[in-house]
Amino acid sequence: MVAIPYEAIAFALFALITVASSFGVVLVEDVWHASLLLGVALLSVAIHYVMLRAEFLAAMQVLVYVGGVLVLVTFAVMLVRQAPDEDAVEREVA
């Protein structure tokens, strides 16, 4: 009987999540959704570090990138958002 390599399957699954969310960051038009997908990509990279037995790198990935860069992007998105156009609101109602 062949043993199922669960670690290899999990590694491939998180690699797929990383690649898919990275493509999503580039392809999504809404900046808010792109920043959320960036968070998913960065967290999945941290999970890769844990699976490779590099716990310190995983902790630094979460603290610096997910905690710092993602919060900075989130605040930038919230502060720079433009008010909706009055014409656009009238077009939606009509």
N, C-alpha and C. Protein backbone atom coordinates (compact mmCIF):
# COMPACT_ATOMS: atom_id res chain seq x y z
N MET A 1 0.84 -1.18 0.00
CA MET A 1 0.00 0.00 0.00
C MET A 1 0.88 1.25 0.00
N VAL A 2 0.52 2.20 -0.81
CA VAL A 2 1.32 3.42 -0.96
C VAL A 2 0.86 4.45 0.07
N ALA A 3 1.83 5.02 0.77
CA ALA A 3 1.51 6.06 1.75
C ALA A 3 1.25 7.38 1.04
N ILE A 4 0.23 8.08 1.50
CA ILE A 4 -0.12 9.37 0.89
C ILE A 4 0.73 10.46 1.52
N PRO A 5 1.49 11.19 0.72
CA PRO A 5 2.34 12.27 1.28
C PRO A 5 1.50 13.52 1.57
N TYR A 6 0.94 13.55 2.78
CA TYR A 6 0.05 14.66 3.13
C TYR A 6 0.77 16.01 3.11
N GLU A 7 2.03 16.03 3.51
CA GLU A 7 2.77 17.29 3.50
C GLU A 7 2.96 17.82 2.08
N ALA A 8 3.21 16.94 1.14
CA ALA A 8 3.38 17.36 -0.25
C ALA A 8 2.07 17.87 -0.83
N ILE A 9 0.97 17.23 -0.46
CA ILE A 9 -0.34 17.69 -0.94
C ILE A 9 -0.66 19.06 -0.35
N ALA A 10 -0.40 19.24 0.94
CA ALA A 10 -0.66 20.53 1.58
C ALA A 10 0.24 21.61 1.00
N PHE A 11 1.50 21.27 0.75
CA PHE A 11 2.42 22.24 0.16
C PHE A 11 1.95 22.67 -1.22
N ALA A 12 1.51 21.71 -2.03
CA ALA A 12 1.02 22.04 -3.37
C ALA A 12 -0.27 22.86 -3.30
N LEU A 13 -1.13 22.55 -2.33
CA LEU A 13 -2.37 23.30 -2.16
C LEU A 13 -2.08 24.75 -1.80
N PHE A 14 -1.16 24.97 -0.86
CA PHE A 14 -0.84 26.35 -0.49
C PHE A 14 -0.06 27.07 -1.59
N ALA A 15 0.70 26.32 -2.38
CA ALA A 15 1.36 26.94 -3.54
C ALA A 15 0.33 27.41 -4.55
N LEU A 16 -0.70 26.60 -4.76
CA LEU A 16 -1.79 26.99 -5.67
C LEU A 16 -2.53 28.21 -5.13
N ILE A 17 -2.77 28.25 -3.83
CA ILE A 17 -3.42 29.42 -3.22
C ILE A 17 -2.56 30.66 -3.39
N THR A 18 -1.25 30.52 -3.20
CA THR A 18 -0.34 31.65 -3.35
C THR A 18 -0.36 32.19 -4.78
N VAL A 19 -0.26 31.30 -5.74
CA VAL A 19 -0.23 31.73 -7.14
C VAL A 19 -1.57 32.33 -7.56
N ALA A 20 -2.67 31.71 -7.16
CA ALA A 20 -3.99 32.22 -7.53
C ALA A 20 -4.27 33.59 -6.92
N SER A 21 -3.93 33.76 -5.65
CA SER A 21 -4.17 35.06 -5.03
C SER A 21 -3.22 36.12 -5.57
N SER A 22 -2.02 35.73 -5.97
CA SER A 22 -1.10 36.70 -6.58
C SER A 22 -1.62 37.17 -7.94
N PHE A 23 -2.14 36.24 -8.73
CA PHE A 23 -2.77 36.65 -9.99
C PHE A 23 -3.99 37.53 -9.72
N GLY A 24 -4.72 37.22 -8.67
CA GLY A 24 -5.87 38.03 -8.31
C GLY A 24 -5.49 39.45 -7.94
N VAL A 25 -4.36 39.62 -7.26
CA VAL A 25 -3.89 40.97 -6.91
C VAL A 25 -3.67 41.79 -8.17
N VAL A 26 -3.12 41.17 -9.19
CA VAL A 26 -2.81 41.89 -10.42
C VAL A 26 -4.06 42.12 -11.27
N LEU A 27 -4.97 41.17 -11.28
CA LEU A 27 -6.09 41.23 -12.21
C LEU A 27 -7.34 41.92 -11.67
N VAL A 28 -7.50 42.00 -10.36
CA VAL A 28 -8.70 42.61 -9.77
C VAL A 28 -8.61 44.12 -9.92
N GLU A 29 -9.72 44.74 -10.28
CA GLU A 29 -9.72 46.19 -10.49
C GLU A 29 -9.92 46.98 -9.20
N ASP A 30 -10.61 46.41 -8.22
CA ASP A 30 -10.85 47.11 -6.97
C ASP A 30 -9.62 46.99 -6.08
N VAL A 31 -9.12 48.12 -5.59
CA VAL A 31 -7.90 48.14 -4.79
C VAL A 31 -8.12 47.44 -3.45
N TRP A 32 -9.31 47.58 -2.89
CA TRP A 32 -9.61 46.95 -1.61
C TRP A 32 -9.53 45.42 -1.73
N HIS A 33 -10.12 44.88 -2.78
CA HIS A 33 -10.06 43.43 -2.98
C HIS A 33 -8.63 42.98 -3.29
N ALA A 34 -7.89 43.80 -3.99
CA ALA A 34 -6.50 43.46 -4.28
C ALA A 34 -5.68 43.40 -2.99
N SER A 35 -5.94 44.32 -2.06
CA SER A 35 -5.19 44.28 -0.80
C SER A 35 -5.58 43.06 0.03
N LEU A 36 -6.84 42.65 -0.01
CA LEU A 36 -7.24 41.43 0.70
C LEU A 36 -6.58 40.20 0.09
N LEU A 37 -6.52 40.16 -1.23
CA LEU A 37 -5.85 39.04 -1.89
C LEU A 37 -4.35 39.04 -1.61
N LEU A 38 -3.77 40.23 -1.47
CA LEU A 38 -2.36 40.33 -1.09
C LEU A 38 -2.14 39.72 0.29
N GLY A 39 -3.08 39.99 1.20
CA GLY A 39 -2.99 39.39 2.53
C GLY A 39 -3.06 37.87 2.48
N VAL A 40 -3.91 37.34 1.63
CA VAL A 40 -4.01 35.88 1.46
C VAL A 40 -2.69 35.33 0.92
N ALA A 41 -2.12 36.01 -0.06
CA ALA A 41 -0.86 35.54 -0.64
C ALA A 41 0.27 35.57 0.40
N LEU A 42 0.33 36.64 1.19
CA LEU A 42 1.39 36.75 2.19
C LEU A 42 1.22 35.73 3.31
N LEU A 43 -0.02 35.47 3.70
CA LEU A 43 -0.25 34.46 4.73
C LEU A 43 0.08 33.06 4.23
N SER A 44 -0.21 32.79 2.98
CA SER A 44 0.12 31.46 2.46
C SER A 44 1.63 31.27 2.32
N VAL A 45 2.36 32.34 2.06
CA VAL A 45 3.82 32.25 2.06
C VAL A 45 4.32 31.96 3.47
N ALA A 46 3.70 32.59 4.47
CA ALA A 46 4.07 32.30 5.86
C ALA A 46 3.79 30.83 6.21
N ILE A 47 2.71 30.28 5.70
CA ILE A 47 2.41 28.87 5.93
C ILE A 47 3.46 27.98 5.26
N HIS A 48 3.95 28.40 4.10
CA HIS A 48 5.04 27.66 3.47
C HIS A 48 6.27 27.64 4.36
N TYR A 49 6.59 28.78 4.97
CA TYR A 49 7.74 28.83 5.88
C TYR A 49 7.56 27.88 7.05
N VAL A 50 6.35 27.80 7.60
CA VAL A 50 6.10 26.88 8.71
C VAL A 50 6.28 25.44 8.24
N MET A 51 5.81 25.13 7.05
CA MET A 51 5.94 23.77 6.54
C MET A 51 7.40 23.41 6.26
N LEU A 52 8.23 24.41 6.00
CA LEU A 52 9.65 24.18 5.76
C LEU A 52 10.47 24.25 7.04
N ARG A 53 9.79 24.30 8.18
CA ARG A 53 10.40 24.34 9.51
C ARG A 53 11.21 25.61 9.74
N ALA A 54 10.76 26.72 9.17
CA ALA A 54 11.39 28.03 9.38
C ALA A 54 10.38 28.92 10.10
N GLU A 55 10.14 28.61 11.37
CA GLU A 55 9.10 29.30 12.13
C GLU A 55 9.42 30.77 12.34
N PHE A 56 10.70 31.10 12.53
CA PHE A 56 11.06 32.51 12.73
C PHE A 56 10.74 33.33 11.48
N LEU A 57 11.06 32.80 10.31
CA LEU A 57 10.73 33.50 9.08
C LEU A 57 9.23 33.65 8.90
N ALA A 58 8.48 32.64 9.31
CA ALA A 58 7.02 32.72 9.23
C ALA A 58 6.50 33.82 10.15
N ALA A 59 7.05 33.90 11.36
CA ALA A 59 6.62 34.95 12.29
C ALA A 59 6.98 36.33 11.76
N MET A 60 8.15 36.48 11.18
CA MET A 60 8.54 37.78 10.62
C MET A 60 7.69 38.12 9.40
N GLN A 61 7.34 37.13 8.62
CA GLN A 61 6.46 37.35 7.46
C GLN A 61 5.12 37.89 7.91
N VAL A 62 4.57 37.29 8.95
CA VAL A 62 3.26 37.74 9.44
C VAL A 62 3.37 39.11 10.09
N LEU A 63 4.39 39.32 10.91
CA LEU A 63 4.51 40.60 11.62
C LEU A 63 4.84 41.75 10.68
N VAL A 64 5.82 41.56 9.82
CA VAL A 64 6.29 42.66 8.98
C VAL A 64 5.38 42.87 7.77
N TYR A 65 5.16 41.82 7.00
CA TYR A 65 4.43 42.00 5.76
C TYR A 65 2.93 42.05 5.97
N VAL A 66 2.38 41.04 6.61
CA VAL A 66 0.93 41.02 6.80
C VAL A 66 0.52 42.10 7.78
N GLY A 67 1.26 42.24 8.86
CA GLY A 67 0.90 43.23 9.87
C GLY A 67 1.24 44.65 9.48
N GLY A 68 2.33 44.85 8.79
CA GLY A 68 2.77 46.21 8.47
C GLY A 68 2.34 46.69 7.10
N VAL A 69 2.76 45.99 6.09
CA VAL A 69 2.49 46.42 4.72
C VAL A 69 1.00 46.39 4.42
N LEU A 70 0.32 45.35 4.85
CA LEU A 70 -1.10 45.24 4.55
C LEU A 70 -1.91 46.30 5.29
N VAL A 71 -1.54 46.61 6.53
CA VAL A 71 -2.22 47.68 7.26
C VAL A 71 -1.95 49.03 6.59
N LEU A 72 -0.73 49.24 6.12
CA LEU A 72 -0.41 50.48 5.41
C LEU A 72 -1.23 50.61 4.13
N VAL A 73 -1.34 49.54 3.38
CA VAL A 73 -2.14 49.58 2.15
C VAL A 73 -3.61 49.82 2.47
N THR A 74 -4.09 49.19 3.53
CA THR A 74 -5.50 49.36 3.92
C THR A 74 -5.79 50.80 4.30
N PHE A 75 -4.93 51.41 5.11
CA PHE A 75 -5.13 52.81 5.47
C PHE A 75 -5.02 53.72 4.26
N ALA A 76 -4.09 53.43 3.36
CA ALA A 76 -3.97 54.25 2.15
C ALA A 76 -5.23 54.16 1.30
N VAL A 77 -5.80 52.98 1.19
CA VAL A 77 -7.03 52.81 0.41
C VAL A 77 -8.16 53.58 1.07
N MET A 78 -8.26 53.50 2.38
CA MET A 78 -9.36 54.19 3.08
C MET A 78 -9.21 55.70 3.01
N LEU A 79 -7.99 56.20 3.07
CA LEU A 79 -7.78 57.65 3.08
C LEU A 79 -7.86 58.27 1.69
N VAL A 80 -7.55 57.52 0.66
CA VAL A 80 -7.49 58.07 -0.69
C VAL A 80 -8.78 57.85 -1.46
N ARG A 81 -9.70 57.08 -0.94
CA ARG A 81 -10.96 56.83 -1.65
C ARG A 81 -11.63 58.13 -2.03
N GLN A 82 -12.09 58.19 -3.26
CA GLN A 82 -12.77 59.38 -3.75
C GLN A 82 -14.26 59.24 -3.51
N ALA A 83 -14.89 60.40 -3.31
CA ALA A 83 -16.34 60.41 -3.15
C ALA A 83 -16.99 60.04 -4.48
N PRO A 84 -18.11 59.35 -4.45
CA PRO A 84 -18.76 58.98 -5.72
C PRO A 84 -19.25 60.21 -6.46
N ASP A 85 -19.20 60.12 -7.77
CA ASP A 85 -19.67 61.20 -8.63
C ASP A 85 -21.18 61.39 -8.48
N GLU A 86 -21.62 62.64 -8.50
CA GLU A 86 -23.07 62.89 -8.43
C GLU A 86 -23.75 62.38 -9.70
N ASP A 87 -23.08 62.52 -10.83
CA ASP A 87 -23.66 62.04 -12.09
C ASP A 87 -23.83 60.52 -12.06
N ALA A 88 -22.86 59.84 -11.45
CA ALA A 88 -22.95 58.38 -11.39
C ALA A 88 -24.13 57.95 -10.53
N VAL A 89 -24.38 58.68 -9.45
CA VAL A 89 -25.52 58.34 -8.59
C VAL A 89 -26.82 58.56 -9.33
N GLU A 90 -26.91 59.66 -10.08
CA GLU A 90 -28.13 59.94 -10.84
C GLU A 90 -28.35 58.89 -11.93
N ARG A 91 -27.28 58.41 -12.54
CA ARG A 91 -27.41 57.39 -13.58
C ARG A 91 -27.90 56.07 -13.00
N GLU A 92 -27.44 55.74 -11.78
CA GLU A 92 -27.87 54.49 -11.17
C GLU A 92 -29.35 54.53 -10.81
N VAL A 93 -29.84 55.70 -10.38
CA VAL A 93 -31.24 55.83 -9.98
C VAL A 93 -32.14 55.78 -11.19
N ALA A 94 -31.70 56.41 -12.27
CA ALA A 94 -32.54 56.51 -13.47
C ALA A 94 -32.71 55.21 -14.19
